[in-house]
């Protein structure tokens, strides 16, 4: 599923929303750092400011 782009008429800017990290990865946007379009805390599992980073099992 592609990201949803929403345009704000007041600011003339775009925001990107990824429902899941799979969606961000498919769009080539992962990993997403805090401050980048599409970042949201719900996608940042360990709270380090990087969402949808690769998981390296322990």
N, C-alpha and C. Protein backbone atom coordinates (compact mmCIF):
# COMPACT_ATOMS: atom_id res chain seq x y z
N UNK A 1 0.85 -1.17 0.00
CA UNK A 1 0.00 0.00 0.00
C UNK A 1 0.90 1.24 0.00
N UNK A 2 0.72 2.18 -0.93
CA UNK A 2 1.57 3.36 -0.99
C UNK A 2 1.26 4.31 0.16
N UNK A 3 2.21 5.20 0.48
CA UNK A 3 1.98 6.15 1.55
C UNK A 3 0.86 7.11 1.18
N UNK A 4 0.23 7.66 2.18
CA UNK A 4 -0.81 8.64 1.95
C UNK A 4 -0.20 10.02 2.08
N UNK A 5 -0.31 10.80 1.03
CA UNK A 5 0.21 12.18 1.07
C UNK A 5 -0.96 13.11 1.27
N UNK A 6 -0.83 13.99 2.22
CA UNK A 6 -1.87 14.98 2.49
C UNK A 6 -1.28 16.36 2.29
N UNK A 7 -2.00 17.21 1.63
CA UNK A 7 -1.53 18.57 1.40
C UNK A 7 -2.33 19.53 2.27
N UNK A 8 -1.62 20.36 2.98
CA UNK A 8 -2.26 21.37 3.80
C UNK A 8 -2.36 22.65 2.98
N UNK A 9 -3.56 23.16 2.84
CA UNK A 9 -3.76 24.36 2.03
C UNK A 9 -3.19 25.60 2.71
N UNK A 10 -3.13 25.60 4.03
CA UNK A 10 -2.61 26.76 4.72
C UNK A 10 -1.10 26.89 4.61
N UNK A 11 -0.38 25.78 4.71
CA UNK A 11 1.08 25.85 4.71
C UNK A 11 1.69 25.44 3.38
N UNK A 12 0.88 24.86 2.49
CA UNK A 12 1.37 24.39 1.20
C UNK A 12 2.50 23.38 1.36
N UNK A 13 2.39 22.52 2.35
CA UNK A 13 3.42 21.51 2.57
C UNK A 13 2.79 20.12 2.50
N UNK A 14 3.62 19.13 2.33
CA UNK A 14 3.17 17.75 2.26
C UNK A 14 3.58 17.01 3.52
N UNK A 15 2.74 16.09 3.95
CA UNK A 15 3.12 15.19 5.02
C UNK A 15 2.90 13.77 4.51
N UNK A 16 3.69 12.85 5.01
CA UNK A 16 3.62 11.47 4.57
C UNK A 16 3.24 10.61 5.76
N UNK A 17 2.35 9.67 5.55
CA UNK A 17 1.92 8.78 6.62
C UNK A 17 2.13 7.34 6.16
N UNK A 18 2.89 6.58 6.94
CA UNK A 18 3.06 5.16 6.70
C UNK A 18 2.30 4.42 7.80
N UNK A 19 1.37 3.59 7.42
CA UNK A 19 0.59 2.85 8.41
C UNK A 19 1.45 1.84 9.15
N UNK A 20 2.35 1.17 8.40
CA UNK A 20 3.24 0.17 8.99
C UNK A 20 4.64 0.36 8.42
N UNK A 21 5.60 -0.23 9.09
CA UNK A 21 6.98 -0.17 8.60
C UNK A 21 7.12 -0.90 7.27
N UNK A 22 6.30 -1.92 7.03
CA UNK A 22 6.33 -2.59 5.73
C UNK A 22 6.03 -1.61 4.61
N UNK A 23 5.09 -0.69 4.86
CA UNK A 23 4.73 0.31 3.85
C UNK A 23 5.90 1.28 3.61
N UNK A 24 6.55 1.68 4.68
CA UNK A 24 7.70 2.59 4.55
C UNK A 24 8.84 1.90 3.80
N UNK A 25 9.07 0.63 4.11
CA UNK A 25 10.11 -0.13 3.42
C UNK A 25 9.81 -0.30 1.94
N UNK A 26 8.55 -0.59 1.62
CA UNK A 26 8.17 -0.77 0.22
C UNK A 26 8.33 0.52 -0.57
N UNK A 27 8.18 1.66 0.11
CA UNK A 27 8.33 2.96 -0.55
C UNK A 27 9.79 3.40 -0.60
N UNK A 28 10.68 2.61 0.01
CA UNK A 28 12.10 2.95 0.03
C UNK A 28 12.45 4.04 1.03
N UNK A 29 11.57 4.25 2.02
CA UNK A 29 11.76 5.34 2.98
C UNK A 29 12.38 4.89 4.29
N UNK A 30 12.46 3.59 4.54
CA UNK A 30 12.96 3.10 5.83
C UNK A 30 14.48 2.97 5.80
N UNK A 31 15.14 3.24 6.91
CA UNK A 31 14.63 3.73 8.19
C UNK A 31 14.27 5.21 8.11
N UNK A 32 13.38 5.64 9.00
CA UNK A 32 12.92 7.02 9.05
C UNK A 32 13.40 7.64 10.35
N UNK A 33 14.11 8.73 10.25
CA UNK A 33 14.62 9.40 11.45
C UNK A 33 13.67 10.48 11.94
N UNK A 34 13.70 10.72 13.26
CA UNK A 34 12.85 11.76 13.85
C UNK A 34 13.08 13.06 13.08
N UNK A 35 12.00 13.72 12.70
CA UNK A 35 12.09 14.97 11.95
C UNK A 35 11.90 14.78 10.45
N UNK A 36 12.04 13.54 9.98
CA UNK A 36 11.84 13.27 8.56
C UNK A 36 10.36 12.99 8.30
N UNK A 37 9.89 13.27 7.07
CA UNK A 37 8.50 12.97 6.75
C UNK A 37 8.20 11.48 6.95
N UNK A 38 7.09 11.21 7.59
CA UNK A 38 6.65 9.84 7.81
C UNK A 38 7.02 9.29 9.18
N UNK A 39 7.93 9.96 9.89
CA UNK A 39 8.31 9.47 11.23
C UNK A 39 7.15 9.70 12.19
N UNK A 40 6.90 8.70 13.01
CA UNK A 40 5.99 8.85 14.14
C UNK A 40 6.42 7.86 15.22
N UNK A 41 6.24 8.25 16.47
CA UNK A 41 6.72 7.43 17.58
C UNK A 41 6.18 5.99 17.57
N UNK A 42 4.99 5.78 17.04
CA UNK A 42 4.41 4.43 17.02
C UNK A 42 5.23 3.47 16.16
N UNK A 43 6.01 3.99 15.23
CA UNK A 43 6.85 3.13 14.37
C UNK A 43 8.26 2.95 14.93
N UNK A 44 8.57 3.68 15.99
CA UNK A 44 9.90 3.64 16.60
C UNK A 44 9.85 2.71 17.82
N UNK A 45 10.14 1.44 17.61
CA UNK A 45 9.98 0.43 18.66
C UNK A 45 10.81 0.69 19.91
N UNK A 46 12.06 1.11 19.73
CA UNK A 46 12.93 1.26 20.90
C UNK A 46 13.09 2.71 21.35
N UNK A 47 12.40 3.65 20.70
CA UNK A 47 12.40 5.04 21.16
C UNK A 47 13.70 5.77 20.94
N UNK A 48 14.54 5.30 20.01
CA UNK A 48 15.83 5.95 19.80
C UNK A 48 15.82 7.03 18.73
N UNK A 49 14.64 7.35 18.19
CA UNK A 49 14.54 8.39 17.17
C UNK A 49 14.68 7.87 15.75
N UNK A 50 14.76 6.56 15.59
CA UNK A 50 14.83 5.94 14.26
C UNK A 50 13.71 4.92 14.16
N UNK A 51 12.77 5.18 13.26
CA UNK A 51 11.63 4.28 13.07
C UNK A 51 11.91 3.34 11.92
N UNK A 52 11.35 2.17 12.00
CA UNK A 52 11.42 1.17 10.92
C UNK A 52 12.85 0.75 10.60
N UNK A 53 13.68 0.71 11.63
CA UNK A 53 15.05 0.27 11.41
C UNK A 53 15.09 -1.26 11.33
N UNK A 54 16.06 -1.81 10.64
CA UNK A 54 16.13 -3.27 10.52
C UNK A 54 16.27 -3.92 11.89
N UNK A 55 15.61 -5.04 12.07
CA UNK A 55 15.71 -5.79 13.31
C UNK A 55 16.82 -6.81 13.19
N UNK A 56 17.75 -6.76 14.12
CA UNK A 56 18.84 -7.73 14.17
C UNK A 56 18.65 -8.51 15.47
N UNK A 57 18.04 -9.67 15.37
CA UNK A 57 17.72 -10.48 16.55
C UNK A 57 18.94 -10.77 17.41
N UNK A 58 18.67 -11.01 18.68
CA UNK A 58 19.76 -11.26 19.63
C UNK A 58 19.80 -12.71 19.98
